C-alpha atoms as a PDB file:
ATOM      1  CA  MET A   1      83.388 -82.332 -62.556  1.00  0.00           C
ATOM      2  CA  SER A   2      84.600 -85.015 -60.220  1.00  0.00           C
ATOM      3  CA  GLU A   3      81.724 -84.058 -57.939  1.00  0.00           C
ATOM      4  CA  LEU A   4      79.351 -85.061 -60.701  1.00  0.00           C
ATOM      5  CA  LYS A   5      79.252 -88.491 -62.236  1.00  0.00           C
ATOM      6  CA  TRP A   6      79.704 -88.162 -65.963  1.00  0.00           C
ATOM      7  CA  THR A   7      77.674 -90.218 -68.371  1.00  0.00           C
ATOM      8  CA  THR A   8      79.443 -92.382 -70.927  1.00  0.00           C
ATOM      9  CA  LYS A   9      78.365 -89.903 -73.597  1.00  0.00           C
ATOM     10  CA  GLN A  10      79.926 -87.008 -71.651  1.00  0.00           C
ATOM     11  CA  ILE A  11      83.171 -88.932 -71.203  1.00  0.00           C
ATOM     12  CA  ILE A  12      83.375 -89.722 -74.912  1.00  0.00           C
ATOM     13  CA  THR A  13      82.604 -86.078 -75.768  1.00  0.00           C
ATOM     14  CA  PHE A  14      85.293 -84.977 -73.324  1.00  0.00           C
ATOM     15  CA  LEU A  15      87.872 -87.371 -74.810  1.00  0.00           C
ATOM     16  CA  ASN A  16      87.095 -86.210 -78.351  1.00  0.00           C
ATOM     17  CA  VAL A  17      87.701 -82.598 -77.292  1.00  0.00           C
ATOM     18  CA  PHE A  18      90.645 -83.381 -74.981  1.00  0.00           C
ATOM     19  CA  GLN A  19      92.686 -85.112 -77.676  1.00  0.00           C
ATOM     20  CA  ASN A  20      92.892 -81.754 -79.478  1.00  0.00           C
ATOM     21  CA  TYR A  21      95.076 -80.439 -76.627  1.00  0.00           C
ATOM     22  CA  PRO A  22      98.252 -82.569 -76.843  1.00  0.00           C
ATOM     23  CA  CYS A  23     100.100 -80.225 -74.479  1.00  0.00           C
ATOM     24  CA  LEU A  24      97.846 -81.620 -71.724  1.00  0.00           C
ATOM     25  CA  TRP A  25      98.471 -85.324 -72.362  1.00  0.00           C
ATOM     26  CA  ASP A  26     101.405 -85.911 -74.761  1.00  0.00           C
ATOM     27  CA  VAL A  27     104.678 -85.925 -72.844  1.00  0.00           C
ATOM     28  CA  THR A  28     106.562 -85.536 -76.136  1.00  0.00           C
ATOM     29  CA  SER A  29     104.747 -82.291 -76.982  1.00  0.00           C
ATOM     30  CA  LYS A  30     107.033 -79.266 -76.988  1.00  0.00           C
ATOM     31  CA  ASP A  31     104.448 -77.430 -74.870  1.00  0.00           C
ATOM     32  CA  TYR A  32     103.912 -80.204 -72.303  1.00  0.00           C
ATOM     33  CA  LEU A  33     106.269 -78.556 -69.801  1.00  0.00           C
ATOM     34  CA  ASN A  34     105.102 -74.997 -70.538  1.00  0.00           C
ATOM     35  CA  LYS A  35     102.881 -74.206 -67.536  1.00  0.00           C
ATOM     36  CA  ASN A  36     101.470 -70.988 -68.983  1.00  0.00           C
ATOM     37  CA  PHE A  37     100.530 -72.628 -72.270  1.00  0.00           C
ATOM     38  CA  LYS A  38      98.958 -75.553 -70.424  1.00  0.00           C
ATOM     39  CA  GLU A  39      96.916 -73.265 -68.182  1.00  0.00           C
ATOM     40  CA  VAL A  40      95.549 -71.435 -71.238  1.00  0.00           C
ATOM     41  CA  SER A  41      94.782 -74.813 -72.839  1.00  0.00           C
ATOM     42  CA  TYR A  42      92.970 -76.041 -69.718  1.00  0.00           C
ATOM     43  CA  ASN A  43      90.785 -72.930 -69.790  1.00  0.00           C
ATOM     44  CA  LYS A  44      90.024 -73.369 -73.504  1.00  0.00           C
ATOM     45  CA  LEU A  45      89.195 -77.025 -72.876  1.00  0.00           C
ATOM     46  CA  LEU A  46      86.890 -76.047 -70.028  1.00  0.00           C
ATOM     47  CA  ASP A  47      85.127 -73.507 -72.256  1.00  0.00           C
ATOM     48  CA  ASN A  48      84.657 -76.169 -74.939  1.00  0.00           C
ATOM     49  CA  LEU A  49      83.220 -78.580 -72.386  1.00  0.00           C
ATOM     50  CA  HIS A  50      80.811 -75.959 -71.068  1.00  0.00           C
ATOM     51  CA  MET A  51      79.590 -75.432 -74.648  1.00  0.00           C
ATOM     52  CA  SER A  52      78.943 -79.202 -74.748  1.00  0.00           C
ATOM     53  CA  ASP A  53      76.885 -78.948 -71.529  1.00  0.00           C
ATOM     54  CA  ILE A  54      79.547 -80.618 -69.392  1.00  0.00           C
ATOM     55  CA  PRO A  55      79.705 -78.600 -66.159  1.00  0.00           C
ATOM     56  CA  GLY A  56      82.626 -78.166 -63.805  1.00  0.00           C
ATOM     57  CA  SER A  57      85.518 -76.092 -62.563  1.00  0.00           C
ATOM     58  CA  LEU A  58      89.176 -76.077 -63.583  1.00  0.00           C
ATOM     59  CA  ASP A  59      90.163 -77.983 -60.443  1.00  0.00           C
ATOM     60  CA  SER A  60      87.508 -80.654 -60.958  1.00  0.00           C
ATOM     61  CA  LEU A  61      88.512 -80.943 -64.627  1.00  0.00           C
ATOM     62  CA  LYS A  62      92.115 -81.719 -63.671  1.00  0.00           C
ATOM     63  CA  LYS A  63      90.910 -84.320 -61.163  1.00  0.00           C
ATOM     64  CA  LYS A  64      88.653 -85.894 -63.763  1.00  0.00           C
ATOM     65  CA  ILE A  65      91.498 -86.096 -66.287  1.00  0.00           C
ATOM     66  CA  LYS A  66      93.679 -87.838 -63.705  1.00  0.00           C
ATOM     67  CA  SER A  67      90.882 -90.226 -62.794  1.00  0.00           C
ATOM     68  CA  LEU A  68      90.145 -91.140 -66.423  1.00  0.00           C
ATOM     69  CA  ARG A  69      93.846 -91.513 -67.254  1.00  0.00           C
ATOM     70  CA  ASP A  70      94.398 -93.772 -64.239  1.00  0.00           C
ATOM     71  CA  THR A  71      91.374 -95.894 -65.128  1.00  0.00           C
ATOM     72  CA  TYR A  72      92.521 -96.125 -68.747  1.00  0.00           C
ATOM     73  CA  ARG A  73      96.039 -97.108 -67.637  1.00  0.00           C
ATOM     74  CA  LYS A  74      94.698 -99.902 -65.388  1.00  0.00           C
ATOM     75  CA  GLU A  75      92.570-101.285 -68.203  1.00  0.00           C
ATOM     76  CA  LEU A  76      95.510-101.100 -70.622  1.00  0.00           C
ATOM     77  CA  GLN A  77      97.694-102.989 -68.138  1.00  0.00           C
ATOM     78  CA  LYS A  78      95.056-105.741 -67.944  1.00  0.00           C
ATOM     79  CA  VAL A  79      95.124-106.041 -71.736  1.00  0.00           C
ATOM     80  CA  GLN A  80      98.932-106.171 -71.844  1.00  0.00           C
ATOM     81  CA  LYS A  81      99.097-108.680 -68.987  1.00  0.00           C
ATOM     82  CA  SER A  82      96.602-110.991 -70.690  1.00  0.00           C
ATOM     83  CA  LYS A  83      98.679-110.887 -73.900  1.00  0.00           C
ATOM     84  CA  LYS A  84     101.884-111.749 -72.047  1.00  0.00           C
ATOM     85  CA  SER A  85     100.321-114.716 -70.276  1.00  0.00           C
ATOM     86  CA  GLY A  86     100.408-116.762 -73.479  1.00  0.00           C
ATOM     87  CA  ALA A  87      96.654-116.658 -73.791  1.00  0.00           C
ATOM     88  CA  GLY A  88      95.034-117.246 -77.135  1.00  0.00           C
ATOM     89  CA  ALA A  89      93.472-114.442 -79.147  1.00  0.00           C
ATOM     90  CA  ASN A  90      90.050-115.217 -77.663  1.00  0.00           C
ATOM     91  CA  ASP A  91      91.427-115.005 -74.124  1.00  0.00           C
ATOM     92  CA  VAL A  92      92.942-111.511 -74.405  1.00  0.00           C
ATOM     93  CA  TYR A  93      91.245-109.149 -71.967  1.00  0.00           C
ATOM     94  CA  LYS A  94      88.722-106.829 -73.610  1.00  0.00           C
ATOM     95  CA  PRO A  95      87.957-103.663 -71.627  1.00  0.00           C
ATOM     96  CA  LYS A  96      84.295-103.198 -70.809  1.00  0.00           C
ATOM     97  CA  LEU A  97      84.557 -99.406 -70.656  1.00  0.00           C
ATOM     98  CA  ALA A  98      82.496 -97.923 -73.475  1.00  0.00           C
ATOM     99  CA  TRP A  99      84.957 -95.016 -73.751  1.00  0.00           C
ATOM    100  CA  PHE A 100      88.157 -97.116 -73.805  1.00  0.00           C
ATOM    101  CA  SER A 101      88.582 -96.980 -77.608  1.00  0.00           C
ATOM    102  CA  SER A 102      88.065 -93.198 -77.608  1.00  0.00           C
ATOM    103  CA  ALA A 103      90.897 -92.825 -75.091  1.00  0.00           C
ATOM    104  CA  GLU A 104      93.069 -95.370 -76.858  1.00  0.00           C
ATOM    105  CA  VAL A 105      93.219 -93.174 -79.959  1.00  0.00           C
ATOM    106  CA  PHE A 106      95.647 -90.825 -78.225  1.00  0.00           C
ATOM    107  CA  TRP A 107      96.516 -92.031 -74.709  1.00  0.00           C
ATOM    108  CA  GLN A 108      97.921 -95.431 -75.623  1.00  0.00           C
ATOM    109  CA  ARG A 109     100.993 -94.066 -77.370  1.00  0.00           C
ATOM    110  CA  SER A 110     101.612 -91.565 -74.575  1.00  0.00           C
ATOM    111  CA  ILE A 111     101.149 -94.009 -71.700  1.00  0.00           C
ATOM    112  CA  ILE A 112     103.011 -96.949 -73.230  1.00  0.00           C
ATOM    113  CA  GLY A 113     105.887 -94.679 -74.218  1.00  0.00           C
ATOM    114  CA  ARG A 114     106.126 -93.283 -70.713  1.00  0.00           C
ATOM    115  CA  GLU A 115     105.906 -96.657 -68.975  1.00  0.00           C
ATOM    116  CA  SER A 116     108.690 -98.140 -71.058  1.00  0.00           C
ATOM    117  CA  SER A 117     111.105 -95.254 -70.614  1.00  0.00           C
ATOM    118  CA  SER A 118     113.914 -95.351 -68.094  1.00  0.00           C
ATOM    119  CA  ASN A 119     116.117 -92.795 -66.433  1.00  0.00           C
ATOM    120  CA  LEU A 120     118.932 -95.290 -65.821  1.00  0.00           C
ATOM    121  CA  VAL A 121     122.210 -94.662 -67.599  1.00  0.00           C
ATOM    122  CA  SER A 122     123.387 -97.580 -69.733  1.00  0.00           C
ATOM    123  CA  LYS A 123     126.987 -98.724 -69.431  1.00  0.00           C
END
């Protein structure tokens, strides 16, 4: 999948299917750390994508997920940074990615929650 450039339509289709597998993206999911469950879910996701005419292997799917998540995270950071700068409502960064809002439906809560967590012990 990473070998092939996906169209915007394919990315949006992927995101709409992917959000139905919270064990693959939601760190608060009880199954997020269950490797066997995740592997089964990856295979189901891949089957669903093949039915939607999105080709690829399991390895390329995992790479594509990482790539999309990283791109989404960078865009989200630009939005947050523009809000913190004291900019007016018209000056807040608006992502140009056509699929950003499809990813935001589920990734925002997961990514923001993870970025703001800490492993430091409070005194």
